[in-house]
PDB file of N, CA and C in Angstrom:
ATOM      1  N   UNK A   1      64.427 171.511 137.090  1.00  0.00           N
ATOM      2  CA  UNK A   1      65.201 170.240 136.692  1.00  0.00           C
ATOM      3  C   UNK A   1      65.993 169.851 135.893  1.00  0.00           C
ATOM      4  N   UNK A   2      66.764 168.477 135.728  1.00  0.00           N
ATOM      5  CA  UNK A   2      66.994 167.807 134.507  1.00  0.00           C
ATOM      6  C   UNK A   2      66.823 166.579 134.320  1.00  0.00           C
ATOM      7  N   UNK A   3      65.787 166.236 133.846  1.00  0.00           N
ATOM      8  CA  UNK A   3      65.339 164.668 133.721  1.00  0.00           C
ATOM      9  C   UNK A   3      66.460 164.055 132.614  1.00  0.00           C
ATOM     10  N   UNK A   4      67.583 163.189 132.722  1.00  0.00           N
ATOM     11  CA  UNK A   4      68.894 162.447 132.488  1.00  0.00           C
ATOM     12  C   UNK A   4      68.268 160.854 131.904  1.00  0.00           C
ATOM     13  N   UNK A   5      68.217 161.065 130.595  1.00  0.00           N
ATOM     14  CA  UNK A   5      67.526 159.210 131.480  1.00  0.00           C
ATOM     15  C   UNK A   5      69.275 158.516 130.424  1.00  0.00           C
ATOM     16  N   UNK A   6      69.377 157.512 131.024  1.00  0.00           N
ATOM     17  CA  UNK A   6      70.767 156.793 130.717  1.00  0.00           C
ATOM     18  C   UNK A   6      69.894 156.188 129.765  1.00  0.00           C
ATOM     19  N   UNK A   7      70.678 156.839 128.468  1.00  0.00           N
ATOM     20  CA  UNK A   7      70.279 155.399 127.547  1.00  0.00           C
ATOM     21  C   UNK A   7      71.302 154.876 127.220  1.00  0.00           C
ATOM     22  N   UNK A   8      73.075 154.636 128.494  1.00  0.00           N
ATOM     23  CA  UNK A   8      73.589 153.852 127.450  1.00  0.00           C
ATOM     24  C   UNK A   8      73.037 151.358 128.763  1.00  0.00           C
ATOM     25  N   UNK A   9      72.044 152.454 129.183  1.00  0.00           N
ATOM     26  CA  UNK A   9      71.826 150.950 130.316  1.00  0.00           C
ATOM     27  C   UNK A   9      70.467 150.660 129.234  1.00  0.00           C
ATOM     28  N   UNK A  10      70.008 151.111 128.522  1.00  0.00           N
ATOM     29  CA  UNK A  10      68.764 150.770 126.829  1.00  0.00           C
ATOM     30  C   UNK A  10      69.957 150.272 126.549  1.00  0.00           C
ATOM     31  N   UNK A  11      70.399 150.786 126.092  1.00  0.00           N
ATOM     32  CA  UNK A  11      71.615 150.230 124.568  1.00  0.00           C
ATOM     33  C   UNK A  11      71.832 148.656 124.783  1.00  0.00           C
ATOM     34  N   UNK A  12      72.534 148.911 126.516  1.00  0.00           N
ATOM     35  CA  UNK A  12      73.120 146.997 126.982  1.00  0.00           C
ATOM     36  C   UNK A  12      72.215 146.178 126.653  1.00  0.00           C
ATOM     37  N   UNK A  13      70.818 146.302 127.493  1.00  0.00           N
ATOM     38  CA  UNK A  13      69.269 145.804 127.529  1.00  0.00           C
ATOM     39  C   UNK A  13      69.091 145.144 126.044  1.00  0.00           C
ATOM     40  N   UNK A  14      68.489 146.123 124.466  1.00  0.00           N
ATOM     41  CA  UNK A  14      68.701 146.026 123.368  1.00  0.00           C
ATOM     42  C   UNK A  14      70.116 144.996 123.171  1.00  0.00           C
ATOM     43  N   UNK A  15      71.364 145.463 122.894  1.00  0.00           N
ATOM     44  CA  UNK A  15      72.327 143.989 123.394  1.00  0.00           C
ATOM     45  C   UNK A  15      72.353 142.996 123.765  1.00  0.00           C
ATOM     46  N   UNK A  16      71.940 142.439 124.950  1.00  0.00           N
ATOM     47  CA  UNK A  16      71.464 141.570 125.459  1.00  0.00           C
ATOM     48  C   UNK A  16      70.742 140.651 124.971  1.00  0.00           C
ATOM     49  N   UNK A  17      68.952 141.806 124.677  1.00  0.00           N
ATOM     50  CA  UNK A  17      68.056 140.816 123.999  1.00  0.00           C
ATOM     51  C   UNK A  17      68.640 140.707 122.453  1.00  0.00           C
ATOM     52  N   UNK A  18      69.147 141.170 122.092  1.00  0.00           N
ATOM     53  CA  UNK A  18      69.913 140.600 120.383  1.00  0.00           C
ATOM     54  C   UNK A  18      70.085 139.510 120.593  1.00  0.00           C
ATOM     55  N   UNK A  19      71.654 139.401 122.032  1.00  0.00           N
ATOM     56  CA  UNK A  19      72.585 138.024 122.227  1.00  0.00           C
ATOM     57  C   UNK A  19      71.770 136.864 122.852  1.00  0.00           C
ATOM     58  N   UNK A  20      70.895 136.959 123.156  1.00  0.00           N
ATOM     59  CA  UNK A  20      69.690 136.280 123.725  1.00  0.00           C
ATOM     60  C   UNK A  20      68.745 135.773 122.340  1.00  0.00           C
ATOM     61  N   UNK A  21      68.224 136.085 121.575  1.00  0.00           N
ATOM     62  CA  UNK A  21      67.581 136.082 120.413  1.00  0.00           C
ATOM     63  C   UNK A  21      69.187 135.041 119.091  1.00  0.00           C
ATOM     64  N   UNK A  22      69.613 135.307 119.483  1.00  0.00           N
ATOM     65  CA  UNK A  22      71.069 134.390 118.372  1.00  0.00           C
ATOM     66  C   UNK A  22      71.410 133.423 119.411  1.00  0.00           C
ATOM     67  N   UNK A  23      71.406 133.255 120.501  1.00  0.00           N
ATOM     68  CA  UNK A  23      71.445 131.984 121.086  1.00  0.00           C
ATOM     69  C   UNK A  23      70.396 130.800 120.916  1.00  0.00           C
ATOM     70  N   UNK A  24      68.724 131.598 121.276  1.00  0.00           N
ATOM     71  CA  UNK A  24      67.877 130.622 121.611  1.00  0.00           C
ATOM     72  C   UNK A  24      67.517 130.334 119.118  1.00  0.00           C
ATOM     73  N   UNK A  25      67.892 131.425 118.519  1.00  0.00           N
ATOM     74  CA  UNK A  25      68.465 131.014 116.757  1.00  0.00           C
ATOM     75  C   UNK A  25      68.932 129.662 117.165  1.00  0.00           C
ATOM     76  N   UNK A  26      70.420 129.871 117.300  1.00  0.00           N
ATOM     77  CA  UNK A  26      71.492 128.448 117.244  1.00  0.00           C
ATOM     78  C   UNK A  26      70.686 127.754 118.621  1.00  0.00           C
ATOM     79  N   UNK A  27      70.189 127.499 119.128  1.00  0.00           N
ATOM     80  CA  UNK A  27      70.040 126.062 119.771  1.00  0.00           C
ATOM     81  C   UNK A  27      68.761 125.438 118.417  1.00  0.00           C
ATOM     82  N   UNK A  28      67.758 126.350 118.377  1.00  0.00           N
ATOM     83  CA  UNK A  28      67.221 125.500 116.839  1.00  0.00           C
ATOM     84  C   UNK A  28      67.592 124.698 116.176  1.00  0.00           C
ATOM     85  N   UNK A  29      69.037 125.683 115.392  1.00  0.00           N
ATOM     86  CA  UNK A  29      69.946 125.745 113.953  1.00  0.00           C
ATOM     87  C   UNK A  29      70.298 123.315 114.730  1.00  0.00           C
ATOM     88  N   UNK A  30      70.843 124.284 115.377  1.00  0.00           N
ATOM     89  CA  UNK A  30      71.101 122.800 116.138  1.00  0.00           C
ATOM     90  C   UNK A  30      70.588 121.811 116.440  1.00  0.00           C
ATOM     91  N   UNK A  31      69.799 122.205 117.093  1.00  0.00           N
ATOM     92  CA  UNK A  31      68.273 120.144 116.960  1.00  0.00           C
ATOM     93  C   UNK A  31      67.866 120.117 116.271  1.00  0.00           C
ATOM     94  N   UNK A  32      67.384 120.996 114.943  1.00  0.00           N
ATOM     95  CA  UNK A  32      67.424 120.623 113.561  1.00  0.00           C
ATOM     96  C   UNK A  32      68.499 120.090 113.174  1.00  0.00           C
ATOM     97  N   UNK A  33      69.490 120.547 113.192  1.00  0.00           N
ATOM     98  CA  UNK A  33      71.049 119.611 112.729  1.00  0.00           C
ATOM     99  C   UNK A  33      70.471 118.562 112.536  1.00  0.00           C
ATOM    100  N   UNK A  34      70.976 118.676 114.200  1.00  0.00           N
ATOM    101  CA  UNK A  34      70.696 117.003 115.496  1.00  0.00           C
ATOM    102  C   UNK A  34      70.755 116.341 114.746  1.00  0.00           C
ATOM    103  N   UNK A  35      69.629 116.420 113.990  1.00  0.00           N
ATOM    104  CA  UNK A  35      68.676 114.793 113.039  1.00  0.00           C
ATOM    105  C   UNK A  35      68.444 114.678 112.336  1.00  0.00           C
ATOM    106  N   UNK A  36      69.231 115.697 111.509  1.00  0.00           N
ATOM    107  CA  UNK A  36      69.814 114.871 110.149  1.00  0.00           C
ATOM    108  C   UNK A  36      70.983 114.094 110.400  1.00  0.00           C
ATOM    109  N   UNK A  37      70.917 112.521 110.157  1.00  0.00           N
ATOM    110  CA  UNK A  37      72.408 111.795 109.569  1.00  0.00           C
ATOM    111  C   UNK A  37      72.977 112.713 108.583  1.00  0.00           C
ATOM    112  N   UNK A  38      72.448 112.716 107.629  1.00  0.00           N
ATOM    113  CA  UNK A  38      73.693 114.167 106.594  1.00  0.00           C
ATOM    114  C   UNK A  38      74.428 114.845 106.499  1.00  0.00           C
ATOM    115  N   UNK A  39      74.194 115.261 108.424  1.00  0.00           N
ATOM    116  CA  UNK A  39      74.764 117.436 108.257  1.00  0.00           C
ATOM    117  C   UNK A  39      76.658 116.502 108.634  1.00  0.00           C
ATOM    118  N   UNK A  40      76.801 117.407 108.715  1.00  0.00           N
ATOM    119  CA  UNK A  40      78.342 117.638 108.883  1.00  0.00           C
ATOM    120  C   UNK A  40      78.533 118.412 110.506  1.00  0.00           C
ATOM    121  N   UNK A  41      79.196 117.078 110.701  1.00  0.00           N
ATOM    122  CA  UNK A  41      79.377 117.114 112.889  1.00  0.00           C
ATOM    123  C   UNK A  41      80.839 117.870 112.915  1.00  0.00           C
ATOM    124  N   UNK A  42      81.441 118.699 112.092  1.00  0.00           N
ATOM    125  CA  UNK A  42      81.916 119.433 111.851  1.00  0.00           C
ATOM    126  C   UNK A  42      80.987 120.936 112.089  1.00  0.00           C
ATOM    127  N   UNK A  43      80.665 121.539 111.222  1.00  0.00           N
ATOM    128  CA  UNK A  43      79.641 122.160 111.753  1.00  0.00           C
ATOM    129  C   UNK A  43      78.491 122.927 112.389  1.00  0.00           C
ATOM    130  N   UNK A  44      78.389 121.093 113.738  1.00  0.00           N
ATOM    131  CA  UNK A  44      77.626 120.883 114.493  1.00  0.00           C
ATOM    132  C   UNK A  44      78.348 121.587 115.724  1.00  0.00           C
ATOM    133  N   UNK A  45      79.429 121.431 115.810  1.00  0.00           N
ATOM    134  CA  UNK A  45      80.208 121.140 116.808  1.00  0.00           C
ATOM    135  C   UNK A  45      80.655 122.995 116.431  1.00  0.00           C
ATOM    136  N   UNK A  46      80.642 123.864 115.403  1.00  0.00           N
ATOM    137  CA  UNK A  46      81.088 124.550 115.606  1.00  0.00           C
ATOM    138  C   UNK A  46      79.980 126.008 116.118  1.00  0.00           C
ATOM    139  N   UNK A  47      78.462 125.195 115.312  1.00  0.00           N
ATOM    140  CA  UNK A  47      77.545 126.109 115.339  1.00  0.00           C
ATOM    141  C   UNK A  47      77.676 126.285 117.518  1.00  0.00           C
ATOM    142  N   UNK A  48      77.982 124.374 117.867  1.00  0.00           N
ATOM    143  CA  UNK A  48      77.472 124.873 119.892  1.00  0.00           C
ATOM    144  C   UNK A  48      79.130 125.526 120.239  1.00  0.00           C
ATOM    145  N   UNK A  49      79.517 124.949 119.520  1.00  0.00           N
ATOM    146  CA  UNK A  49      81.382 126.296 120.143  1.00  0.00           C
ATOM    147  C   UNK A  49      81.245 127.975 119.675  1.00  0.00           C
ATOM    148  N   UNK A  50      79.781 128.068 118.996  1.00  0.00           N
ATOM    149  CA  UNK A  50      79.037 129.776 118.683  1.00  0.00           C
ATOM    150  C   UNK A  50      78.337 129.851 120.069  1.00  0.00           C
ATOM    151  N   UNK A  51      77.137 128.883 119.829  1.00  0.00           N
ATOM    152  CA  UNK A  51      76.918 129.074 121.584  1.00  0.00           C
ATOM    153  C   UNK A  51      76.875 129.017 122.701  1.00  0.00           C
ATOM    154  N   UNK A  52      78.449 128.701 122.705  1.00  0.00           N
ATOM    155  CA  UNK A  52      78.741 128.839 124.122  1.00  0.00           C
ATOM    156  C   UNK A  52      79.559 130.072 124.637  1.00  0.00           C
ATOM    157  N   UNK A  53      80.164 130.542 123.136  1.00  0.00           N
ATOM    158  CA  UNK A  53      80.788 131.949 123.646  1.00  0.00           C
ATOM    159  C   UNK A  53      79.750 133.017 123.639  1.00  0.00           C
ATOM    160  N   UNK A  54      78.578 133.014 122.998  1.00  0.00           N
ATOM    161  CA  UNK A  54      76.910 134.196 122.966  1.00  0.00           C
ATOM    162  C   UNK A  54      76.712 133.808 125.130  1.00  0.00           C
ATOM    163  N   UNK A  55      76.850 132.374 124.953  1.00  0.00           N
ATOM    164  CA  UNK A  55      75.968 132.269 126.179  1.00  0.00           C
ATOM    165  C   UNK A  55      77.509 133.564 127.209  1.00  0.00           C
ATOM    166  N   UNK A  56      78.427 132.882 126.626  1.00  0.00           N
ATOM    167  CA  UNK A  56      79.740 133.556 127.776  1.00  0.00           C
ATOM    168  C   UNK A  56      79.532 135.016 128.106  1.00  0.00           C
ATOM    169  N   UNK A  57      78.784 134.982 126.703  1.00  0.00           N
ATOM    170  CA  UNK A  57      78.632 137.209 126.603  1.00  0.00           C
ATOM    171  C   UNK A  57      77.168 137.748 127.483  1.00  0.00           C
ATOM    172  N   UNK A  58      76.857 136.076 126.934  1.00  0.00           N
ATOM    173  CA  UNK A  58      74.791 137.148 127.976  1.00  0.00           C
ATOM    174  C   UNK A  58      75.563 137.576 129.203  1.00  0.00           C
ATOM    175  N   UNK A  59      76.063 135.962 129.810  1.00  0.00           N
ATOM    176  CA  UNK A  59      76.312 136.235 131.154  1.00  0.00           C
ATOM    177  C   UNK A  59      77.390 137.528 131.077  1.00  0.00           C
ATOM    178  N   UNK A  60      78.477 137.711 131.458  1.00  0.00           N
ATOM    179  CA  UNK A  60      78.982 138.838 131.667  1.00  0.00           C
ATOM    180  C   UNK A  60      78.308 139.795 131.421  1.00  0.00           C
ATOM    181  N   UNK A  61      77.556 140.657 129.714  1.00  0.00           N
ATOM    182  CA  UNK A  61      77.109 141.290 130.906  1.00  0.00           C
ATOM    183  C   UNK A  61      75.444 141.653 131.037  1.00  0.00           C
ATOM    184  N   UNK A  62      75.054 140.238 132.116  1.00  0.00           N
ATOM    185  CA  UNK A  62      73.675 140.276 133.333  1.00  0.00           C
ATOM    186  C   UNK A  62      74.650 140.872 134.051  1.00  0.00           C
ATOM    187  N   UNK A  63      75.408 140.098 134.338  1.00  0.00           N
ATOM    188  CA  UNK A  63      77.082 140.456 135.310  1.00  0.00           C
ATOM    189  C   UNK A  63      77.388 141.804 135.336  1.00  0.00           C
ATOM    190  N   UNK A  64      77.831 142.828 134.207  1.00  0.00           N
ATOM    191  CA  UNK A  64      77.494 144.033 134.578  1.00  0.00           C
ATOM    192  C   UNK A  64      75.935 144.960 134.367  1.00  0.00           C
ATOM    193  N   UNK A  65      75.329 144.195 134.806  1.00  0.00           N
ATOM    194  CA  UNK A  65      74.350 144.872 134.574  1.00  0.00           C
ATOM    195  C   UNK A  65      73.654 145.411 136.347  1.00  0.00           C
ATOM    196  N   UNK A  66      73.994 143.882 136.478  1.00  0.00           N
ATOM    197  CA  UNK A  66      73.407 143.960 138.457  1.00  0.00           C
ATOM    198  C   UNK A  66      74.270 144.759 139.289  1.00  0.00           C
ATOM    199  N   UNK A  67      73.806 145.358 139.560  1.00  0.00           N
ATOM    200  CA  UNK A  67      74.723 146.162 140.858  1.00  0.00           C
ATOM    201  C   UNK A  67      74.810 145.005 141.758  1.00  0.00           C
ATOM    202  N   UNK A  68      76.262 145.262 141.876  1.00  0.00           N
ATOM    203  CA  UNK A  68      77.387 144.417 143.358  1.00  0.00           C
ATOM    204  C   UNK A  68      76.373 145.249 144.704  1.00  0.00           C
ATOM    205  N   UNK A  69      76.729 143.922 145.653  1.00  0.00           N
ATOM    206  CA  UNK A  69      75.128 143.890 147.067  1.00  0.00           C
ATOM    207  C   UNK A  69      75.935 143.329 147.872  1.00  0.00           C
ATOM    208  N   UNK A  70      76.242 144.606 148.844  1.00  0.00           N
ATOM    209  CA  UNK A  70      77.150 145.035 149.881  1.00  0.00           C
ATOM    210  C   UNK A  70      76.223 143.776 150.950  1.00  0.00           C
ATOM    211  N   UNK A  71      77.635 142.003 150.885  1.00  0.00           N
ATOM    212  CA  UNK A  71      76.192 141.338 152.202  1.00  0.00           C
ATOM    213  C   UNK A  71      76.407 141.530 153.446  1.00  0.00           C
TER     214      UNK A  71
END
């Protein structure tokens, strides 16, 4: 018997973990910057857009990892 390990799945889980960490880090950064009245609002908007892109990537990857179930 040959037991094969699906390394691609592990890579996807690692990628998902990294994306979630990046998203969380952006949350903290945006929160910290939003309390500073001297911060550039354009920078905050760009960070929020980047955070949204990360969220979309996370959602797509999660969807790809969840097997389709027949109802």
